[in-house]
Protein backbone atom coordinates (compact mmCIF):
# COMPACT_ATOMS: atom_id res chain seq x y z
CA UNK A 1 6.73 -14.18 -9.24
CA UNK A 2 9.90 -15.71 -7.93
CA UNK A 3 11.08 -16.65 -11.56
CA UNK A 4 9.72 -13.39 -13.45
CA UNK A 5 11.85 -10.49 -14.70
CA UNK A 6 10.13 -8.54 -12.18
CA UNK A 7 11.83 -10.39 -9.34
CA UNK A 8 14.78 -8.26 -10.25
CA UNK A 9 14.46 -4.96 -8.84
CA UNK A 10 16.62 -3.06 -11.11
CA UNK A 11 14.85 -4.56 -14.16
CA UNK A 12 11.55 -3.56 -12.51
CA UNK A 13 12.53 0.15 -11.76
CA UNK A 14 14.07 0.49 -15.54
CA UNK A 15 10.73 -0.89 -16.79
CA UNK A 16 8.72 1.60 -14.65
CA UNK A 17 11.00 4.46 -15.86
CA UNK A 18 10.64 3.47 -19.44
CA UNK A 19 6.79 3.19 -18.90
CA UNK A 20 6.73 6.74 -17.07
CA UNK A 21 8.88 8.31 -19.82
CA UNK A 22 6.74 6.46 -22.62
CA UNK A 23 3.74 8.17 -20.95
CA UNK A 24 5.18 11.68 -21.73
CA UNK A 25 5.93 10.54 -25.31
CA UNK A 26 2.75 8.83 -26.07
CA UNK A 27 0.83 11.64 -24.43
CA UNK A 28 2.51 14.28 -26.79
CA UNK A 29 1.62 12.22 -29.79
CA UNK A 30 -1.89 11.25 -28.70
CA UNK A 31 -2.58 15.02 -28.33
CA UNK A 32 -1.18 15.80 -31.82
CA UNK A 33 -3.03 12.88 -33.29
CA UNK A 34 -6.34 14.16 -31.57
CA UNK A 35 -5.70 17.77 -32.87
CA UNK A 36 -4.86 16.69 -36.47
CA UNK A 37 -7.56 14.09 -37.26
CA UNK A 38 -9.95 13.12 -34.53
CA UNK A 39 -11.08 16.67 -33.49
CA UNK A 40 -12.57 17.14 -36.76
CA UNK A 41 -15.35 14.74 -35.96
CA UNK A 42 -15.36 14.11 -32.07
CA UNK A 43 -15.00 17.05 -29.53
CA UNK A 44 -14.68 16.20 -25.98
CA UNK A 45 -15.97 18.75 -23.49
CA UNK A 46 -13.33 20.07 -21.37
CA UNK A 47 -13.12 19.35 -17.68
CA UNK A 48 -14.34 22.19 -15.68
CA UNK A 49 -11.55 24.57 -14.48
CA UNK A 50 -9.79 23.72 -11.33
CA UNK A 51 -10.37 19.88 -11.87
CA UNK A 52 -7.71 17.41 -12.15
CA UNK A 53 -7.55 18.06 -16.04
CA UNK A 54 -6.24 21.66 -15.57
CA UNK A 55 -3.28 22.54 -17.31
CA UNK A 56 0.31 22.32 -15.33
CA UNK A 57 3.94 23.30 -15.65
CA UNK A 58 5.72 21.11 -17.96
CA UNK A 59 8.43 20.51 -15.49
CA UNK A 60 5.83 19.74 -12.77
CA UNK A 61 4.40 17.35 -15.29
CA UNK A 62 7.67 15.51 -15.90
CA UNK A 63 8.33 15.32 -12.21
CA UNK A 64 4.98 13.88 -11.30
CA UNK A 65 5.47 11.15 -13.92
CA UNK A 66 8.80 10.35 -12.34
CA UNK A 67 7.90 10.57 -8.77
CA UNK A 68 6.32 7.12 -8.55
CA UNK A 69 9.49 5.56 -9.94
CA UNK A 70 11.38 7.13 -7.15
CA UNK A 71 8.86 6.00 -4.43
CA UNK A 72 8.81 2.54 -5.77
CA UNK A 73 12.75 2.49 -5.86
CA UNK A 74 12.75 3.87 -2.17
CA UNK A 75 10.13 1.34 -0.93
CA UNK A 76 12.52 -1.42 -2.37
CA UNK A 77 15.43 0.01 -0.75
CA UNK A 78 13.72 -0.09 2.45
CA UNK A 79 12.05 -3.43 2.00
CA UNK A 80 15.55 -5.01 0.82
CA UNK A 81 17.58 -3.68 3.75
CA UNK A 82 14.83 -4.51 6.46
CA UNK A 83 14.70 -8.22 5.41
CA UNK A 84 11.18 -8.41 6.45
CA UNK A 85 9.32 -10.64 4.21
CA UNK A 86 5.97 -8.52 4.51
CA UNK A 87 7.88 -5.38 3.37
CA UNK A 88 8.96 -7.25 0.20
CA UNK A 89 5.26 -8.30 -0.59
CA UNK A 90 4.29 -4.68 -0.01
CA UNK A 91 7.09 -3.54 -2.52
CA UNK A 92 5.59 -6.07 -5.09
CA UNK A 93 2.13 -4.90 -4.71
CA UNK A 94 3.12 -1.43 -5.02
CA UNK A 95 5.08 -2.30 -7.99
CA UNK A 96 2.08 -4.03 -9.38
CA UNK A 97 0.01 -0.91 -8.89
CA UNK A 98 2.37 1.30 -10.33
CA UNK A 99 3.18 -0.69 -13.58
CA UNK A 100 -0.44 -1.11 -14.09
CA UNK A 101 -1.33 2.52 -13.73
CA UNK A 102 1.31 3.40 -16.18
CA UNK A 103 0.15 0.71 -18.73
CA UNK A 104 -3.41 1.86 -18.48
CA UNK A 105 -2.50 5.48 -19.25
CA UNK A 106 -0.04 4.37 -21.91
CA UNK A 107 -2.60 2.10 -23.50
CA UNK A 108 -5.07 4.91 -23.53
CA UNK A 109 -2.94 7.19 -25.25
CA UNK A 110 -1.94 4.36 -27.77
CA UNK A 111 -5.76 3.98 -28.44
CA UNK A 112 -6.02 7.74 -28.99
CA UNK A 113 -3.18 7.60 -31.61
CA UNK A 114 -4.64 4.64 -33.22
CA UNK A 115 -8.33 6.16 -33.25
CA UNK A 116 -6.52 9.15 -35.04
CA UNK A 117 -4.88 7.07 -37.50
CA UNK A 118 -8.38 5.33 -38.22
CA UNK A 119 -9.95 8.83 -38.81
CA UNK A 120 -7.02 9.90 -40.90
CA UNK A 121 -7.29 7.01 -43.31
CA UNK A 122 -11.20 6.58 -43.36
CA UNK A 123 -12.55 10.36 -43.27
CA UNK A 124 -14.80 9.31 -46.21
CA UNK A 125 -16.62 7.17 -43.78
CA UNK A 126 -17.46 9.90 -41.27
CA UNK A 127 -19.75 12.97 -41.33
CA UNK A 128 -20.71 15.41 -38.81
CA UNK A 129 -19.42 16.06 -35.34
CA UNK A 130 -20.05 14.19 -32.05
CA UNK A 131 -19.68 16.28 -28.91
CA UNK A 132 -18.98 14.18 -25.84
CA UNK A 133 -19.69 15.85 -22.58
CA UNK A 134 -17.14 15.55 -19.70
CA UNK A 135 -19.59 13.55 -17.61
CA UNK A 136 -20.30 10.97 -20.40
CA UNK A 137 -16.52 10.81 -21.07
CA UNK A 138 -16.01 9.86 -17.31
CA UNK A 139 -18.70 7.26 -17.28
CA UNK A 140 -17.41 5.51 -20.43
CA UNK A 141 -13.96 5.66 -18.94
CA UNK A 142 -15.52 4.25 -15.72
CA UNK A 143 -16.94 1.26 -17.67
CA UNK A 144 -13.71 0.39 -19.31
CA UNK A 145 -11.98 0.56 -15.85
CA UNK A 146 -14.65 -1.57 -14.39
CA UNK A 147 -13.90 -4.29 -16.76
CA UNK A 148 -10.29 -4.18 -16.43
CA UNK A 149 -10.95 -4.39 -12.70
CA UNK A 150 -12.90 -7.46 -13.04
CA UNK A 151 -10.31 -9.04 -15.27
CA UNK A 152 -7.29 -8.26 -13.02
CA UNK A 153 -9.03 -9.35 -9.79
CA UNK A 154 -10.08 -12.68 -11.53
CA UNK A 155 -6.19 -12.92 -12.34
CA UNK A 156 -5.72 -12.05 -8.72
CA UNK A 157 -8.00 -15.03 -7.81
CA UNK A 158 -5.79 -17.43 -9.60
CA UNK A 159 -2.45 -15.97 -9.11
CA UNK A 160 -2.55 -15.19 -5.28
CA UNK A 161 0.40 -12.74 -5.40
CA UNK A 162 0.95 -9.26 -4.00
CA UNK A 163 1.98 -7.95 -7.49
CA UNK A 164 -1.53 -9.17 -8.95
CA UNK A 165 -3.29 -7.54 -6.12
CA UNK A 166 -1.37 -4.33 -6.68
CA UNK A 167 -2.16 -4.63 -10.53
CA UNK A 168 -6.01 -5.22 -9.68
CA UNK A 169 -6.14 -2.34 -7.38
CA UNK A 170 -4.82 0.27 -9.99
CA UNK A 171 -7.82 0.18 -12.27
CA UNK A 172 -10.06 0.20 -9.33
CA UNK A 173 -8.45 3.32 -7.95
CA UNK A 174 -8.90 5.04 -11.22
CA UNK A 175 -12.51 3.78 -11.38
CA UNK A 176 -13.15 5.20 -7.85
CA UNK A 177 -11.63 8.53 -8.82
CA UNK A 178 -13.83 8.78 -11.98
CA UNK A 179 -16.95 8.04 -10.22
CA UNK A 180 -16.08 10.67 -7.52
CA UNK A 181 -15.61 13.25 -10.20
CA UNK A 182 -18.75 12.10 -12.03
CA UNK A 183 -20.81 12.83 -8.84
CA UNK A 184 -19.23 16.29 -8.37
């Protein structure tokens, strides 16, 4: 990690900021793609009201997307000013976690956009509607997150770095969240 781009905190913070803003943009286009094309054939049952999927204020949503960037930056400031090696390792682990969370979300939005494009260009191959229940959707997502967790923990075993550990913990945390929601 000492020779990577992520060794430069300003570049890391800018990358994290780009991913968080990309999350907003990709989320908008994924929603539009689903509404225009995919929703004609695949319908996802809504999350129960009061759950984490409930609607929120747009300004609050933007603030929540940018908050991790600020937190990672503050952790870096504390780690850099303290000079304690362990605090810089903690910064790298949290950076790996945050970057991976944003990458997972952004890739899922991109997947939705690409599926919408596939549906748009291949409508003649589809007929009927598929209703996917909230629990099934959470389970499907949990399977994807489990495989990603296994892959990233394998990488961590070969690249014994705090950044790799943080990256491996990101899908694991989302997996645990999905399993808890699945049980409730």
